[in-house]
């Protein structure tokens, strides 16, 4: 009887085995363009930075940088034009003096037979009041609590993006229940991502509603890739279009925003 049961068990295992073929072919290459105009809250001048590359296969580690593009910014109010300098690895930069709060800014990228364009206006930001290390531990014990306090702008519907360090620790936020008031929130950050200097830069940007929605999708997809049973990532379309090909998908976003920064020092890591 035991031999029969063992035989049936083996048959059931073999019978449940199924080969799944995954289509991992990558034939259509798109552009990835991330651009921003930033100015500090207490300054009238700012800078523009644009990073350009080609999209890549899911399992590829190689980044195909675009190093031969023409990149420029046009201030539409007075038709001023700024040509960005190529730096390295698909990165282009320039300084922009006297950033206007009322003018639209157009990003133009020319490469091969493509012309990419996007329009944005400046979004204001608050100042960061303080950043301190909290005393609470995460469930895993591998994270540090960072408490950030800021005073919201006294107007309806403000949106912000906080960046903790330089490794993509992002937190979008809105002032749904705090309009015009001071607010503190906690962000738990991996201890391994705290710089060796035990100093952490916290950046706060004022963003608009469309970029807020875009970043929410980015953060959700980044934080929910938990193995083969998680929801597969979906393309997230930004606000940049290809004027020569309306059917092409351009990844990335162009934003124009104020920012503030705070350096938290002497972080204690147990």
C-alpha atoms as a PDB file:
ATOM      1  CA  UNK A   1       0.000   0.000   0.000  1.00  0.00           C
ATOM      2  CA  UNK A   2       2.858   2.368   0.868  1.00  0.00           C
ATOM      3  CA  UNK A   3       4.463   1.715  -2.526  1.00  0.00           C
ATOM      4  CA  UNK A   4       1.210   2.561  -4.291  1.00  0.00           C
ATOM      5  CA  UNK A   5       0.847   5.820  -2.332  1.00  0.00           C
ATOM      6  CA  UNK A   6       4.448   6.762  -3.100  1.00  0.00           C
ATOM      7  CA  UNK A   7       3.879   6.093  -6.788  1.00  0.00           C
ATOM      8  CA  UNK A   8       0.712   8.194  -6.820  1.00  0.00           C
ATOM      9  CA  UNK A   9       2.558  11.042  -5.031  1.00  0.00           C
ATOM     10  CA  UNK A  10       5.305  11.080  -7.687  1.00  0.00           C
ATOM     11  CA  UNK A  11       2.728  11.035 -10.491  1.00  0.00           C
ATOM     12  CA  UNK A  12       0.887  13.988  -8.925  1.00  0.00           C
ATOM     13  CA  UNK A  13       4.085  16.039  -8.655  1.00  0.00           C
ATOM     14  CA  UNK A  14       5.060  15.330 -12.239  1.00  0.00           C
ATOM     15  CA  UNK A  15       1.532  15.995 -13.394  1.00  0.00           C
ATOM     16  CA  UNK A  16       1.525  19.482 -11.845  1.00  0.00           C
ATOM     17  CA  UNK A  17       4.758  20.552 -13.506  1.00  0.00           C
ATOM     18  CA  UNK A  18       4.235  23.168 -16.208  1.00  0.00           C
ATOM     19  CA  UNK A  19       6.769  24.923 -18.391  1.00  0.00           C
ATOM     20  CA  UNK A  20       6.163  28.663 -18.791  1.00  0.00           C
ATOM     21  CA  UNK A  21       7.803  30.477 -21.675  1.00  0.00           C
ATOM     22  CA  UNK A  22       8.525  34.134 -20.946  1.00  0.00           C
ATOM     23  CA  UNK A  23       8.799  36.523 -23.855  1.00  0.00           C
ATOM     24  CA  UNK A  24      11.883  38.525 -22.948  1.00  0.00           C
ATOM     25  CA  UNK A  25      12.603  39.852 -26.423  1.00  0.00           C
ATOM     26  CA  UNK A  26      13.511  43.532 -26.421  1.00  0.00           C
ATOM     27  CA  UNK A  27      13.245  45.074 -29.845  1.00  0.00           C
ATOM     28  CA  UNK A  28      11.765  48.571 -29.411  1.00  0.00           C
ATOM     29  CA  UNK A  29      14.140  51.118 -27.917  1.00  0.00           C
ATOM     30  CA  UNK A  30      12.740  54.294 -26.387  1.00  0.00           C
ATOM     31  CA  UNK A  31      14.223  57.388 -24.806  1.00  0.00           C
ATOM     32  CA  UNK A  32      14.558  58.116 -21.100  1.00  0.00           C
ATOM     33  CA  UNK A  33      14.757  61.868 -20.433  1.00  0.00           C
ATOM     34  CA  UNK A  34      14.840  63.282 -16.906  1.00  0.00           C
ATOM     35  CA  UNK A  35      15.094  67.059 -16.768  1.00  0.00           C
ATOM     36  CA  UNK A  36      14.733  69.692 -14.095  1.00  0.00           C
ATOM     37  CA  UNK A  37      15.143  73.379 -13.457  1.00  0.00           C
ATOM     38  CA  UNK A  38      15.863  73.959  -9.769  1.00  0.00           C
ATOM     39  CA  UNK A  39      16.240  77.146  -7.784  1.00  0.00           C
ATOM     40  CA  UNK A  40      16.680  77.504  -4.033  1.00  0.00           C
ATOM     41  CA  UNK A  41      13.819  79.167  -2.174  1.00  0.00           C
ATOM     42  CA  UNK A  42      16.074  82.050  -1.108  1.00  0.00           C
ATOM     43  CA  UNK A  43      17.686  82.615  -4.515  1.00  0.00           C
ATOM     44  CA  UNK A  44      16.597  84.122  -7.821  1.00  0.00           C
ATOM     45  CA  UNK A  45      19.083  82.072  -9.859  1.00  0.00           C
ATOM     46  CA  UNK A  46      19.019  78.373 -10.567  1.00  0.00           C
ATOM     47  CA  UNK A  47      20.328  75.605 -12.767  1.00  0.00           C
ATOM     48  CA  UNK A  48      19.068  73.094 -15.285  1.00  0.00           C
ATOM     49  CA  UNK A  49      20.140  69.446 -15.471  1.00  0.00           C
ATOM     50  CA  UNK A  50      18.991  66.895 -18.056  1.00  0.00           C
ATOM     51  CA  UNK A  51      19.909  63.205 -18.177  1.00  0.00           C
ATOM     52  CA  UNK A  52      19.312  61.264 -21.403  1.00  0.00           C
ATOM     53  CA  UNK A  53      19.635  57.562 -22.166  1.00  0.00           C
ATOM     54  CA  UNK A  54      17.934  54.798 -24.152  1.00  0.00           C
ATOM     55  CA  UNK A  55      15.574  52.273 -22.564  1.00  0.00           C
ATOM     56  CA  UNK A  56      17.058  48.801 -22.034  1.00  0.00           C
ATOM     57  CA  UNK A  57      16.060  45.182 -21.655  1.00  0.00           C
ATOM     58  CA  UNK A  58      14.706  44.148 -18.238  1.00  0.00           C
ATOM     59  CA  UNK A  59      17.738  42.042 -17.272  1.00  0.00           C
ATOM     60  CA  UNK A  60      20.378  44.305 -18.811  1.00  0.00           C
ATOM     61  CA  UNK A  61      22.848  46.180 -16.607  1.00  0.00           C
ATOM     62  CA  UNK A  62      24.246  48.314 -19.424  1.00  0.00           C
ATOM     63  CA  UNK A  63      23.017  51.896 -19.740  1.00  0.00           C
ATOM     64  CA  UNK A  64      23.006  53.324 -23.251  1.00  0.00           C
ATOM     65  CA  UNK A  65      23.763  57.004 -22.611  1.00  0.00           C
ATOM     66  CA  UNK A  66      22.939  59.631 -25.227  1.00  0.00           C
ATOM     67  CA  UNK A  67      26.006  61.858 -25.389  1.00  0.00           C
ATOM     68  CA  UNK A  68      25.463  63.684 -28.674  1.00  0.00           C
ATOM     69  CA  UNK A  69      22.127  65.435 -28.232  1.00  0.00           C
ATOM     70  CA  UNK A  70      21.388  69.147 -28.519  1.00  0.00           C
ATOM     71  CA  UNK A  71      19.622  70.228 -25.324  1.00  0.00           C
ATOM     72  CA  UNK A  72      18.207  73.667 -24.663  1.00  0.00           C
ATOM     73  CA  UNK A  73      15.777  75.575 -22.465  1.00  0.00           C
ATOM     74  CA  UNK A  74      13.595  78.414 -23.754  1.00  0.00           C
ATOM     75  CA  UNK A  75      12.062  80.933 -21.348  1.00  0.00           C
ATOM     76  CA  UNK A  76       8.828  81.594 -23.233  1.00  0.00           C
ATOM     77  CA  UNK A  77       7.994  84.955 -21.609  1.00  0.00           C
ATOM     78  CA  UNK A  78      10.942  86.735 -23.211  1.00  0.00           C
ATOM     79  CA  UNK A  79      12.174  84.042 -25.629  1.00  0.00           C
ATOM     80  CA  UNK A  80      15.541  83.634 -23.888  1.00  0.00           C
ATOM     81  CA  UNK A  81      17.413  80.500 -24.935  1.00  0.00           C
ATOM     82  CA  UNK A  82      19.910  78.526 -22.870  1.00  0.00           C
ATOM     83  CA  UNK A  83      22.076  75.788 -24.429  1.00  0.00           C
ATOM     84  CA  UNK A  84      23.071  73.020 -22.003  1.00  0.00           C
ATOM     85  CA  UNK A  85      26.670  71.783 -21.866  1.00  0.00           C
ATOM     86  CA  UNK A  86      27.397  68.074 -22.138  1.00  0.00           C
ATOM     87  CA  UNK A  87      29.097  66.857 -18.936  1.00  0.00           C
ATOM     88  CA  UNK A  88      29.373  63.045 -19.080  1.00  0.00           C
ATOM     89  CA  UNK A  89      27.260  59.860 -19.251  1.00  0.00           C
ATOM     90  CA  UNK A  90      24.222  61.469 -20.864  1.00  0.00           C
ATOM     91  CA  UNK A  91      24.234  64.425 -18.472  1.00  0.00           C
ATOM     92  CA  UNK A  92      23.767  68.041 -19.624  1.00  0.00           C
ATOM     93  CA  UNK A  93      23.839  71.177 -17.431  1.00  0.00           C
ATOM     94  CA  UNK A  94      23.664  74.960 -17.476  1.00  0.00           C
ATOM     95  CA  UNK A  95      23.016  77.882 -15.123  1.00  0.00           C
ATOM     96  CA  UNK A  96      19.812  79.914 -15.498  1.00  0.00           C
ATOM     97  CA  UNK A  97      19.789  83.417 -13.939  1.00  0.00           C
ATOM     98  CA  UNK A  98      16.715  85.274 -12.721  1.00  0.00           C
ATOM     99  CA  UNK A  99      14.234  82.433 -12.969  1.00  0.00           C
ATOM    100  CA  UNK A 100      10.765  83.804 -13.659  1.00  0.00           C
ATOM    101  CA  UNK A 101       7.782  82.737 -11.543  1.00  0.00           C
ATOM    102  CA  UNK A 102       5.309  83.624 -14.288  1.00  0.00           C
ATOM    103  CA  UNK A 103       6.968  82.268 -17.427  1.00  0.00           C
ATOM    104  CA  UNK A 104       6.684  78.823 -18.954  1.00  0.00           C
ATOM    105  CA  UNK A 105       9.960  77.041 -19.634  1.00  0.00           C
ATOM    106  CA  UNK A 106      10.288  74.709 -22.593  1.00  0.00           C
ATOM    107  CA  UNK A 107      12.726  71.813 -22.665  1.00  0.00           C
ATOM    108  CA  UNK A 108      13.885  70.865 -26.162  1.00  0.00           C
ATOM    109  CA  UNK A 109      16.017  67.797 -26.912  1.00  0.00           C
ATOM    110  CA  UNK A 110      17.231  67.136 -30.464  1.00  0.00           C
ATOM    111  CA  UNK A 111      18.748  63.743 -31.254  1.00  0.00           C
ATOM    112  CA  UNK A 112      19.026  61.936 -34.571  1.00  0.00           C
ATOM    113  CA  UNK A 113      15.595  62.333 -36.225  1.00  0.00           C
ATOM    114  CA  UNK A 114      13.732  63.147 -33.016  1.00  0.00           C
ATOM    115  CA  UNK A 115      12.681  66.372 -31.315  1.00  0.00           C
ATOM    116  CA  UNK A 116      11.414  66.107 -27.740  1.00  0.00           C
ATOM    117  CA  UNK A 117       9.553  68.887 -25.956  1.00  0.00           C
ATOM    118  CA  UNK A 118       7.900  69.700 -22.629  1.00  0.00           C
ATOM    119  CA  UNK A 119       6.491  72.848 -20.987  1.00  0.00           C
ATOM    120  CA  UNK A 120       6.447  73.617 -17.255  1.00  0.00           C
ATOM    121  CA  UNK A 121       6.139  76.628 -14.911  1.00  0.00           C
ATOM    122  CA  UNK A 122       7.875  77.167 -11.586  1.00  0.00           C
ATOM    123  CA  UNK A 123       6.314  75.512  -8.537  1.00  0.00           C
ATOM    124  CA  UNK A 124       7.033  77.207  -5.190  1.00  0.00           C
ATOM    125  CA  UNK A 125       8.347  75.428  -2.106  1.00  0.00           C
ATOM    126  CA  UNK A 126       8.452  75.885   1.638  1.00  0.00           C
ATOM    127  CA  UNK A 127      11.592  75.893   3.785  1.00  0.00           C
ATOM    128  CA  UNK A 128      12.601  72.916   5.910  1.00  0.00           C
ATOM    129  CA  UNK A 129      12.313  73.898   9.581  1.00  0.00           C
ATOM    130  CA  UNK A 130      14.382  71.039  10.997  1.00  0.00           C
ATOM    131  CA  UNK A 131      15.582  67.460  10.499  1.00  0.00           C
ATOM    132  CA  UNK A 132      16.420  65.292  13.525  1.00  0.00           C
ATOM    133  CA  UNK A 133      17.087  61.624  14.222  1.00  0.00           C
ATOM    134  CA  UNK A 134      14.192  59.885  15.919  1.00  0.00           C
ATOM    135  CA  UNK A 135      14.366  57.296  18.691  1.00  0.00           C
ATOM    136  CA  UNK A 136      11.928  54.719  17.320  1.00  0.00           C
ATOM    137  CA  UNK A 137      13.200  51.492  15.790  1.00  0.00           C
ATOM    138  CA  UNK A 138      11.710  49.780  12.765  1.00  0.00           C
ATOM    139  CA  UNK A 139      10.377  46.226  13.038  1.00  0.00           C
ATOM    140  CA  UNK A 140      13.533  44.868  11.396  1.00  0.00           C
ATOM    141  CA  UNK A 141      15.882  47.015  13.465  1.00  0.00           C
ATOM    142  CA  UNK A 142      17.885  47.809  10.326  1.00  0.00           C
ATOM    143  CA  UNK A 143      16.518  51.307   9.791  1.00  0.00           C
ATOM    144  CA  UNK A 144      17.037  54.780  11.229  1.00  0.00           C
ATOM    145  CA  UNK A 145      14.130  57.154  11.893  1.00  0.00           C
ATOM    146  CA  UNK A 146      14.494  60.573  10.260  1.00  0.00           C
ATOM    147  CA  UNK A 147      12.003  63.226  11.454  1.00  0.00           C
ATOM    148  CA  UNK A 148      11.483  66.172   9.112  1.00  0.00           C
ATOM    149  CA  UNK A 149       9.536  69.309  10.041  1.00  0.00           C
ATOM    150  CA  UNK A 150       8.368  72.001   7.622  1.00  0.00           C
ATOM    151  CA  UNK A 151       5.764  74.759   7.528  1.00  0.00           C
ATOM    152  CA  UNK A 152       3.315  74.436   4.667  1.00  0.00           C
ATOM    153  CA  UNK A 153       2.664  77.266   2.229  1.00  0.00           C
ATOM    154  CA  UNK A 154      -0.467  79.219   3.083  1.00  0.00           C
ATOM    155  CA  UNK A 155      -2.418  78.251  -0.016  1.00  0.00           C
ATOM    156  CA  UNK A 156      -4.591  75.354  -1.116  1.00  0.00           C
ATOM    157  CA  UNK A 157      -3.218  72.134  -2.614  1.00  0.00           C
ATOM    158  CA  UNK A 158       0.539  72.096  -2.201  1.00  0.00           C
ATOM    159  CA  UNK A 159       2.618  69.071  -3.169  1.00  0.00           C
ATOM    160  CA  UNK A 160       6.172  68.209  -2.196  1.00  0.00           C
ATOM    161  CA  UNK A 161       8.876  65.666  -2.926  1.00  0.00           C
ATOM    162  CA  UNK A 162      11.376  64.756  -0.219  1.00  0.00           C
ATOM    163  CA  UNK A 163      14.669  63.041  -1.055  1.00  0.00           C
ATOM    164  CA  UNK A 164      16.758  61.458   1.688  1.00  0.00           C
ATOM    165  CA  UNK A 165      20.396  61.090   0.605  1.00  0.00           C
ATOM    166  CA  UNK A 166      21.457  60.366  -2.958  1.00  0.00           C
ATOM    167  CA  UNK A 167      20.250  56.787  -3.441  1.00  0.00           C
ATOM    168  CA  UNK A 168      16.655  57.260  -4.512  1.00  0.00           C
ATOM    169  CA  UNK A 169      14.934  57.393  -1.100  1.00  0.00           C
ATOM    170  CA  UNK A 170      11.920  59.459  -2.159  1.00  0.00           C
ATOM    171  CA  UNK A 171       8.716  60.468  -0.396  1.00  0.00           C
ATOM    172  CA  UNK A 172       5.944  62.429  -2.199  1.00  0.00           C
ATOM    173  CA  UNK A 173       3.652  64.421   0.100  1.00  0.00           C
ATOM    174  CA  UNK A 174       0.642  66.738  -0.057  1.00  0.00           C
ATOM    175  CA  UNK A 175      -0.904  69.209   2.398  1.00  0.00           C
ATOM    176  CA  UNK A 176      -4.377  67.670   2.490  1.00  0.00           C
ATOM    177  CA  UNK A 177      -4.903  68.233   6.245  1.00  0.00           C
ATOM    178  CA  UNK A 178      -2.077  70.625   7.166  1.00  0.00           C
ATOM    179  CA  UNK A 179      -2.701  73.658   4.966  1.00  0.00           C
ATOM    180  CA  UNK A 180      -0.565  76.567   6.211  1.00  0.00           C
ATOM    181  CA  UNK A 181       0.564  74.754   9.365  1.00  0.00           C
ATOM    182  CA  UNK A 182       3.772  73.187  10.659  1.00  0.00           C
ATOM    183  CA  UNK A 183       4.024  69.436  10.177  1.00  0.00           C
ATOM    184  CA  UNK A 184       6.465  66.686  11.185  1.00  0.00           C
ATOM    185  CA  UNK A 185       6.715  63.204   9.670  1.00  0.00           C
ATOM    186  CA  UNK A 186       8.982  60.185  10.028  1.00  0.00           C
ATOM    187  CA  UNK A 187      10.895  58.406   7.303  1.00  0.00           C
ATOM    188  CA  UNK A 188      12.669  55.131   8.084  1.00  0.00           C
ATOM    189  CA  UNK A 189      15.903  54.728   6.137  1.00  0.00           C
ATOM    190  CA  UNK A 190      18.147  51.681   5.805  1.00  0.00           C
ATOM    191  CA  UNK A 191      21.252  51.975   7.993  1.00  0.00           C
ATOM    192  CA  UNK A 192      23.401  50.758   5.105  1.00  0.00           C
ATOM    193  CA  UNK A 193      22.318  53.818   3.074  1.00  0.00           C
ATOM    194  CA  UNK A 194      23.510  56.321   5.664  1.00  0.00           C
ATOM    195  CA  UNK A 195      26.797  57.869   4.375  1.00  0.00           C
ATOM    196  CA  UNK A 196      30.027  56.930   6.164  1.00  0.00           C
ATOM    197  CA  UNK A 197      30.324  60.549   7.294  1.00  0.00           C
ATOM    198  CA  UNK A 198      27.104  60.060   9.322  1.00  0.00           C
ATOM    199  CA  UNK A 199      25.732  63.117   7.562  1.00  0.00           C
ATOM    200  CA  UNK A 200      22.515  62.982   5.536  1.00  0.00           C
ATOM    201  CA  UNK A 201      21.234  65.552   3.042  1.00  0.00           C
ATOM    202  CA  UNK A 202      17.464  65.979   3.013  1.00  0.00           C
ATOM    203  CA  UNK A 203      16.025  67.833   0.020  1.00  0.00           C
ATOM    204  CA  UNK A 204      12.503  69.200  -0.297  1.00  0.00           C
ATOM    205  CA  UNK A 205      11.034  70.282  -3.644  1.00  0.00           C
ATOM    206  CA  UNK A 206       7.755  72.007  -4.366  1.00  0.00           C
ATOM    207  CA  UNK A 207       6.020  70.050  -7.136  1.00  0.00           C
ATOM    208  CA  UNK A 208       2.727  70.261  -9.002  1.00  0.00           C
ATOM    209  CA  UNK A 209      -0.153  67.775  -8.961  1.00  0.00           C
ATOM    210  CA  UNK A 210       0.826  65.983 -12.166  1.00  0.00           C
ATOM    211  CA  UNK A 211       4.365  65.317 -10.984  1.00  0.00           C
ATOM    212  CA  UNK A 212       2.992  64.251  -7.596  1.00  0.00           C
ATOM    213  CA  UNK A 213       0.866  61.562  -9.328  1.00  0.00           C
ATOM    214  CA  UNK A 214       3.836  60.527 -11.460  1.00  0.00           C
ATOM    215  CA  UNK A 215       6.117  60.094  -8.437  1.00  0.00           C
ATOM    216  CA  UNK A 216       3.443  58.157  -6.523  1.00  0.00           C
ATOM    217  CA  UNK A 217       3.438  55.597  -9.325  1.00  0.00           C
ATOM    218  CA  UNK A 218       7.243  55.442  -9.292  1.00  0.00           C
ATOM    219  CA  UNK A 219       7.389  54.891  -5.526  1.00  0.00           C
ATOM    220  CA  UNK A 220       4.589  52.271  -5.526  1.00  0.00           C
ATOM    221  CA  UNK A 221       6.190  50.236  -8.304  1.00  0.00           C
ATOM    222  CA  UNK A 222       9.633  50.490  -6.719  1.00  0.00           C
ATOM    223  CA  UNK A 223       8.399  49.282  -3.326  1.00  0.00           C
ATOM    224  CA  UNK A 224       6.178  46.419  -4.524  1.00  0.00           C
ATOM    225  CA  UNK A 225       8.611  44.286  -6.535  1.00  0.00           C
ATOM    226  CA  UNK A 226       8.562  41.393  -4.072  1.00  0.00           C
ATOM    227  CA  UNK A 227       9.348  38.316  -6.100  1.00  0.00           C
ATOM    228  CA  UNK A 228       7.590  36.465  -8.923  1.00  0.00           C
ATOM    229  CA  UNK A 229       4.069  36.964  -7.556  1.00  0.00           C
ATOM    230  CA  UNK A 230       4.174  40.758  -7.367  1.00  0.00           C
ATOM    231  CA  UNK A 231       2.466  42.949  -9.944  1.00  0.00           C
ATOM    232  CA  UNK A 232       4.789  43.431 -12.924  1.00  0.00           C
ATOM    233  CA  UNK A 233       5.990  46.985 -13.538  1.00  0.00           C
ATOM    234  CA  UNK A 234       4.018  48.996 -16.065  1.00  0.00           C
ATOM    235  CA  UNK A 235       5.377  51.818 -18.230  1.00  0.00           C
ATOM    236  CA  UNK A 236       4.907  55.184 -16.537  1.00  0.00           C
ATOM    237  CA  UNK A 237       4.485  58.000 -19.026  1.00  0.00           C
ATOM    238  CA  UNK A 238       5.794  61.444 -18.124  1.00  0.00           C
ATOM    239  CA  UNK A 239       5.176  64.883 -19.651  1.00  0.00           C
ATOM    240  CA  UNK A 240       7.721  64.788 -22.504  1.00  0.00           C
ATOM    241  CA  UNK A 241       6.548  64.172 -26.075  1.00  0.00           C
ATOM    242  CA  UNK A 242       8.284  63.389 -29.359  1.00  0.00           C
ATOM    243  CA  UNK A 243       7.142  66.039 -31.843  1.00  0.00           C
ATOM    244  CA  UNK A 244       8.150  63.880 -34.817  1.00  0.00           C
ATOM    245  CA  UNK A 245       6.476  60.680 -33.622  1.00  0.00           C
ATOM    246  CA  UNK A 246       3.311  60.961 -31.528  1.00  0.00           C
ATOM    247  CA  UNK A 247       3.122  57.185 -31.121  1.00  0.00           C
ATOM    248  CA  UNK A 248       6.504  56.825 -29.440  1.00  0.00           C
ATOM    249  CA  UNK A 249       6.717  56.494 -25.658  1.00  0.00           C
ATOM    250  CA  UNK A 250       9.147  58.795 -23.862  1.00  0.00           C
ATOM    251  CA  UNK A 251      10.034  57.863 -20.299  1.00  0.00           C
ATOM    252  CA  UNK A 252      11.013  60.454 -17.729  1.00  0.00           C
ATOM    253  CA  UNK A 253       9.782  63.885 -16.686  1.00  0.00           C
ATOM    254  CA  UNK A 254      10.625  67.586 -16.930  1.00  0.00           C
ATOM    255  CA  UNK A 255       9.986  69.706 -13.815  1.00  0.00           C
ATOM    256  CA  UNK A 256      10.613  73.314 -12.769  1.00  0.00           C
ATOM    257  CA  UNK A 257      10.600  73.803  -9.013  1.00  0.00           C
ATOM    258  CA  UNK A 258      11.982  75.508  -5.948  1.00  0.00           C
ATOM    259  CA  UNK A 259      13.827  73.489  -3.318  1.00  0.00           C
ATOM    260  CA  UNK A 260      15.373  73.639   0.125  1.00  0.00           C
ATOM    261  CA  UNK A 261      18.044  71.428   1.706  1.00  0.00           C
ATOM    262  CA  UNK A 262      19.008  70.464   5.240  1.00  0.00           C
ATOM    263  CA  UNK A 263      22.090  68.530   6.401  1.00  0.00           C
ATOM    264  CA  UNK A 264      21.502  66.195   9.368  1.00  0.00           C
ATOM    265  CA  UNK A 265      24.822  65.576  11.134  1.00  0.00           C
ATOM    266  CA  UNK A 266      26.133  63.088  13.706  1.00  0.00           C
ATOM    267  CA  UNK A 267      23.654  60.322  12.933  1.00  0.00           C
ATOM    268  CA  UNK A 268      23.958  57.523  15.511  1.00  0.00           C
ATOM    269  CA  UNK A 269      23.947  53.997  14.074  1.00  0.00           C
ATOM    270  CA  UNK A 270      23.860  51.183  16.638  1.00  0.00           C
END
